[in-house]
Amino acid sequence: MAERRFPQRCPECGKTDVCPDAIPYDARAKHDGSVYTFSIAALKVNKCQSCGEVFFDNTTDEQISQGLREHLGLLSPEEIRQRLGRLGLTQKEFAERISIAPETVSRWLSGTYIQSRAYDKLMRFFFQQEESRVKEPQAPSPT
């Protein structure tokens, strides 16, 4: 993907003054049926230096999601990936061991979905307790 060139034209005031900036930001996000408010000290955004309009993009959304994870004390995608690597488990093997769809693990690792607190606790238990990682025997296939 090509990197954006700055400054850019502001769609609000029309001036060519939109540049990368970092702002303090109070975020509100819904997760697990509750709304959480938390602060991000330096949210990276594009901001018009003339009119002050702030523009969010996918990178901004990712920062807010990471801020929510930190606020709630949830494992980050990188932490999950590192722990799986230490155990030598693939995403599919991990999903099978904790009885969830492999696509769910993929969404956690890509950052497109934030795990619930319950799944976060399950993952932490799985990573910390060796006996929880024992593979359960498969049921015999019908003949």
Protein backbone atom coordinates (compact mmCIF):
# COMPACT_ATOMS: atom_id res chain seq x y z
CA MET A 1 0.00 0.00 0.00
CA ALA A 2 1.38 3.42 -0.95
CA GLU A 3 2.18 5.76 1.90
CA ARG A 4 0.05 8.90 2.00
CA ARG A 5 1.81 12.15 1.27
CA PHE A 6 1.33 15.09 3.58
CA PRO A 7 0.06 17.70 3.90
CA GLN A 8 -3.32 16.80 2.45
CA ARG A 9 -6.37 18.90 1.65
CA CYS A 10 -8.92 19.17 4.47
CA PRO A 11 -12.46 18.29 3.36
CA GLU A 12 -13.86 20.63 6.05
CA CYS A 13 -11.98 23.89 5.43
CA GLY A 14 -10.38 23.16 2.06
CA LYS A 15 -6.87 24.12 3.16
CA THR A 16 -3.90 21.86 2.49
CA ASP A 17 -3.03 21.51 6.16
CA VAL A 18 -3.89 17.92 7.16
CA CYS A 19 -0.86 16.26 8.74
CA PRO A 20 -0.14 13.38 11.14
CA ASP A 21 -0.52 14.38 14.78
CA ALA A 22 -0.89 12.78 18.21
CA ILE A 23 -3.67 13.91 20.51
CA PRO A 24 -4.91 12.97 23.97
CA TYR A 25 -8.17 11.09 23.49
CA ASP A 26 -10.92 9.86 25.79
CA ALA A 27 -12.40 6.77 24.15
CA ARG A 28 -15.68 4.95 24.76
CA ALA A 29 -16.03 1.39 23.56
CA LYS A 30 -18.58 -1.35 24.05
CA HIS A 31 -17.30 -4.81 24.94
CA ASP A 32 -18.97 -7.85 26.49
CA GLY A 33 -22.23 -5.91 26.87
CA SER A 34 -20.72 -2.99 28.81
CA VAL A 35 -19.47 0.44 27.75
CA TYR A 36 -15.98 1.38 28.91
CA THR A 37 -14.36 4.81 29.00
CA PHE A 38 -10.58 5.04 28.93
CA SER A 39 -7.89 7.51 27.94
CA ILE A 40 -5.22 7.26 25.28
CA ALA A 41 -2.38 9.69 25.95
CA ALA A 42 -1.22 10.07 22.34
CA LEU A 43 -3.67 8.77 19.73
CA LYS A 44 -2.09 9.01 16.26
CA VAL A 45 -4.50 10.75 13.89
CA ASN A 46 -4.50 13.01 10.86
CA LYS A 47 -5.43 16.54 11.88
CA CYS A 48 -6.00 19.77 10.00
CA GLN A 49 -3.63 22.32 11.45
CA SER A 50 -5.91 25.14 10.26
CA CYS A 51 -9.41 24.19 11.42
CA GLY A 52 -8.53 21.46 13.95
CA GLU A 53 -10.67 18.74 12.30
CA VAL A 54 -9.46 15.26 13.29
CA PHE A 55 -9.64 12.29 10.92
CA PHE A 56 -9.75 8.65 12.05
CA ASP A 57 -8.72 5.68 9.91
CA ASN A 58 -8.10 1.96 10.37
CA THR A 59 -4.87 2.65 12.24
CA THR A 60 -6.76 4.87 14.68
CA ASP A 61 -9.35 2.13 15.24
CA GLU A 62 -6.56 -0.38 15.94
CA GLN A 63 -5.06 1.97 18.55
CA ILE A 64 -8.45 2.31 20.26
CA SER A 65 -8.90 -1.49 20.28
CA GLN A 66 -5.42 -1.88 21.80
CA GLY A 67 -6.29 0.79 24.38
CA LEU A 68 -9.43 -1.15 25.31
CA ARG A 69 -7.43 -4.38 25.67
CA GLU A 70 -4.96 -2.60 27.93
CA HIS A 71 -7.75 -0.96 29.96
CA LEU A 72 -9.41 -4.35 30.52
CA GLY A 73 -6.12 -6.22 31.03
CA LEU A 74 -6.75 -8.60 28.11
CA LEU A 75 -4.06 -10.45 26.19
CA SER A 76 -3.01 -8.69 22.98
CA PRO A 77 -2.83 -10.55 19.65
CA GLU A 78 0.98 -10.45 19.91
CA GLU A 79 0.93 -11.97 23.40
CA ILE A 80 -1.39 -14.78 22.27
CA ARG A 81 0.81 -15.44 19.22
CA GLN A 82 3.99 -15.51 21.35
CA ARG A 83 2.49 -17.93 23.87
CA LEU A 84 1.27 -20.25 21.13
CA GLY A 85 4.75 -20.13 19.61
CA ARG A 86 6.38 -21.08 22.92
CA LEU A 87 4.05 -24.08 23.15
CA GLY A 88 4.60 -25.00 19.50
CA LEU A 89 0.88 -24.96 18.77
CA THR A 90 -0.83 -23.90 15.57
CA GLN A 91 -3.99 -21.80 15.65
CA LYS A 92 -6.00 -24.86 14.65
CA GLU A 93 -4.51 -27.04 17.40
CA PHE A 94 -5.13 -24.30 19.97
CA ALA A 95 -8.74 -23.89 18.82
CA GLU A 96 -9.32 -27.63 19.11
CA ARG A 97 -7.83 -27.73 22.62
CA ILE A 98 -10.08 -24.97 23.95
CA SER A 99 -13.09 -26.09 21.89
CA ILE A 100 -13.67 -23.04 19.71
CA ALA A 101 -13.72 -22.42 15.97
CA PRO A 102 -10.30 -21.87 14.36
CA GLU A 103 -11.76 -18.73 12.74
CA THR A 104 -12.28 -17.22 16.19
CA VAL A 105 -8.60 -17.67 17.04
CA SER A 106 -7.70 -16.15 13.68
CA ARG A 107 -9.85 -13.09 14.46
CA TRP A 108 -8.18 -12.69 17.88
CA LEU A 109 -4.72 -12.90 16.31
CA SER A 110 -5.53 -10.47 13.50
CA GLY A 111 -7.02 -7.99 15.99
CA THR A 112 -10.38 -7.88 14.22
CA TYR A 113 -12.11 -9.28 17.30
CA ILE A 114 -11.37 -8.78 20.99
CA GLN A 115 -11.83 -11.86 23.13
CA SER A 116 -14.30 -11.80 26.01
CA ARG A 117 -12.97 -11.69 29.55
CA ALA A 118 -14.07 -15.30 29.98
CA TYR A 119 -12.05 -16.46 26.97
CA ASP A 120 -9.11 -14.35 28.10
CA LYS A 121 -9.17 -16.14 31.48
CA LEU A 122 -9.46 -19.51 29.72
CA MET A 123 -6.45 -18.69 27.53
CA ARG A 124 -4.37 -17.57 30.50
CA PHE A 125 -5.23 -20.79 32.34
CA PHE A 126 -4.38 -22.84 29.25
CA PHE A 127 -1.03 -21.09 28.80
CA GLN A 128 -0.09 -21.36 32.51
CA GLN A 129 -1.34 -24.83 33.49
CA GLU A 130 0.27 -27.73 31.68
CA GLU A 131 -2.48 -30.16 32.69
CA SER A 132 -5.03 -28.00 30.87
CA ARG A 133 -3.17 -28.59 27.58
CA VAL A 134 -3.55 -32.36 27.54
CA LYS A 135 -5.25 -33.33 24.32
CA GLU A 136 -8.53 -35.10 24.96
CA PRO A 137 -9.03 -38.43 23.22
CA GLN A 138 -11.17 -38.34 20.10
CA ALA A 139 -14.48 -40.19 20.10
CA PRO A 140 -14.41 -43.29 17.93
CA SER A 141 -15.88 -42.77 14.50
CA PRO A 142 -19.14 -44.61 13.80
CA THR A 143 -18.75 -47.74 11.72
